[in-house]
Amino acid sequence: MPQNDPRSPDDSELSRRLDSLGAGLRQADPRLGQPAKTDDGAPKMSGIGQAMRLSTEFIAGIVVGAGFGWALDRGLGTRPWGMILFLLLGTCAGFFNVARAAGLLKSRTGDKSGAK
């Protein structure tokens, strides 16, 4: 054992055995320690990551629709019809974005959102 190694002989033996076990596991399963990937090679998202993405997709559609309707109402003086119309359109767009991102709808653009 080296002189400046602060571990006791029991610790160094345990460390050696742990390293040996890790090497054996990596040899038995080369995927060990690598991030999980989908069929197309993209990394899989965790549950919370996917939930955050889907909620962001939905909220973004609503906010963009409402913002566009508000701006249209201010510019044309059609208050509140532009806001109502584009809020509904934004909600529909949000639903479609969530379905596309969740893989329930086929994407036409070929993006890597998980749609099959």
Protein backbone atom coordinates (compact mmCIF):
# COMPACT_ATOMS: atom_id res chain seq x y z
CA MET A 1 0.00 0.00 0.00
CA PRO A 2 1.41 3.50 -0.85
CA GLN A 3 2.57 5.60 2.08
CA ASN A 4 0.30 8.60 1.39
CA ASP A 5 -2.86 6.44 0.93
CA PRO A 6 -5.08 7.39 3.93
CA ARG A 7 -7.24 4.29 3.58
CA SER A 8 -6.78 1.33 5.84
CA PRO A 9 -5.87 -2.05 4.32
CA ASP A 10 -9.53 -3.05 4.59
CA ASP A 11 -10.62 0.02 2.60
CA SER A 12 -8.10 -0.56 -0.17
CA GLU A 13 -9.14 -4.21 -0.46
CA LEU A 14 -12.80 -3.18 -0.60
CA SER A 15 -12.02 -0.53 -3.22
CA ARG A 16 -10.10 -3.07 -5.32
CA ARG A 17 -13.01 -5.52 -5.15
CA LEU A 18 -15.49 -2.77 -6.07
CA ASP A 19 -13.41 -1.76 -9.10
CA SER A 20 -13.17 -5.41 -10.15
CA LEU A 21 -16.96 -5.80 -9.84
CA GLY A 22 -17.56 -2.64 -11.89
CA ALA A 23 -15.21 -3.85 -14.63
CA GLY A 24 -16.97 -7.22 -14.74
CA LEU A 25 -20.39 -5.57 -14.98
CA ARG A 26 -19.25 -3.26 -17.79
CA GLN A 27 -17.85 -6.25 -19.65
CA ALA A 28 -21.10 -8.21 -19.22
CA ASP A 29 -23.34 -5.30 -20.29
CA PRO A 30 -21.57 -2.61 -22.37
CA ARG A 31 -24.66 -0.34 -22.16
CA LEU A 32 -24.11 0.06 -18.40
CA GLY A 33 -23.54 3.69 -17.45
CA GLN A 34 -24.77 5.08 -20.77
CA PRO A 35 -27.92 7.21 -21.01
CA ALA A 36 -31.05 5.43 -22.25
CA LYS A 37 -31.96 6.19 -25.85
CA THR A 38 -35.04 5.82 -28.00
CA ASP A 39 -35.18 3.76 -31.21
CA ASP A 40 -34.00 6.69 -33.32
CA GLY A 41 -30.97 7.34 -31.09
CA ALA A 42 -32.32 10.39 -29.25
CA PRO A 43 -31.89 10.33 -25.45
CA LYS A 44 -35.01 9.42 -23.48
CA MET A 45 -36.51 12.15 -21.31
CA SER A 46 -37.29 11.57 -17.68
CA GLY A 47 -40.90 11.72 -16.55
CA ILE A 48 -40.59 15.23 -15.13
CA GLY A 49 -38.76 16.41 -18.25
CA GLN A 50 -41.50 15.12 -20.50
CA ALA A 51 -44.21 16.64 -18.28
CA MET A 52 -42.47 20.02 -18.36
CA ARG A 53 -42.14 19.89 -22.14
CA LEU A 54 -45.78 18.97 -22.69
CA SER A 55 -47.07 21.64 -20.31
CA THR A 56 -44.82 24.24 -21.93
CA GLU A 57 -46.07 23.27 -25.39
CA PHE A 58 -49.69 23.68 -24.24
CA ILE A 59 -49.20 26.97 -22.40
CA ALA A 60 -47.16 28.46 -25.26
CA GLY A 61 -49.97 27.82 -27.74
CA ILE A 62 -52.50 29.53 -25.49
CA VAL A 63 -50.25 32.52 -24.71
CA VAL A 64 -49.34 33.09 -28.36
CA GLY A 65 -52.99 32.87 -29.42
CA ALA A 66 -54.12 35.24 -26.67
CA GLY A 67 -51.31 37.69 -27.44
CA PHE A 68 -52.09 37.71 -31.13
CA GLY A 69 -55.82 38.20 -30.45
CA TRP A 70 -55.11 41.04 -28.01
CA ALA A 71 -52.84 42.78 -30.53
CA LEU A 72 -55.43 42.34 -33.26
CA ASP A 73 -58.15 43.80 -31.02
CA ARG A 74 -55.99 46.79 -30.12
CA GLY A 75 -55.08 47.44 -33.74
CA LEU A 76 -58.52 46.98 -35.29
CA GLY A 77 -60.73 47.94 -32.35
CA THR A 78 -62.69 44.69 -32.48
CA ARG A 79 -62.55 44.06 -28.74
CA PRO A 80 -63.20 41.24 -27.48
CA TRP A 81 -63.78 39.12 -30.61
CA GLY A 82 -60.18 38.82 -31.76
CA MET A 83 -59.08 37.77 -28.29
CA ILE A 84 -61.84 35.16 -28.03
CA LEU A 85 -61.20 33.77 -31.50
CA PHE A 86 -57.41 33.56 -31.20
CA LEU A 87 -57.56 32.28 -27.63
CA LEU A 88 -59.62 29.35 -28.91
CA LEU A 89 -57.27 28.86 -31.86
CA GLY A 90 -54.27 29.00 -29.52
CA THR A 91 -55.86 26.39 -27.26
CA CYS A 92 -56.42 24.09 -30.25
CA ALA A 93 -52.83 24.66 -31.37
CA GLY A 94 -51.67 23.84 -27.83
CA PHE A 95 -53.58 20.55 -27.88
CA PHE A 96 -52.09 19.64 -31.26
CA ASN A 97 -48.57 20.55 -30.05
CA VAL A 98 -48.99 18.33 -26.97
CA ALA A 99 -50.31 15.43 -29.08
CA ARG A 100 -47.42 15.81 -31.54
CA ALA A 101 -44.78 16.07 -28.79
CA ALA A 102 -46.23 13.07 -26.96
CA GLY A 103 -46.01 11.02 -30.15
CA LEU A 104 -49.76 10.65 -30.64
CA LEU A 105 -49.74 12.47 -34.00
CA LYS A 106 -47.34 11.96 -36.85
CA SER A 107 -45.20 15.00 -37.52
CA ARG A 108 -44.93 16.17 -41.14
CA THR A 109 -41.76 18.17 -40.60
CA GLY A 110 -39.52 15.24 -39.60
CA ASP A 111 -38.53 16.85 -36.30
CA LYS A 112 -37.08 14.83 -33.44
CA SER A 113 -39.98 15.41 -31.04
CA GLY A 114 -40.69 11.75 -30.45
CA ALA A 115 -43.54 11.43 -32.93
CA LYS A 116 -43.53 8.15 -34.78
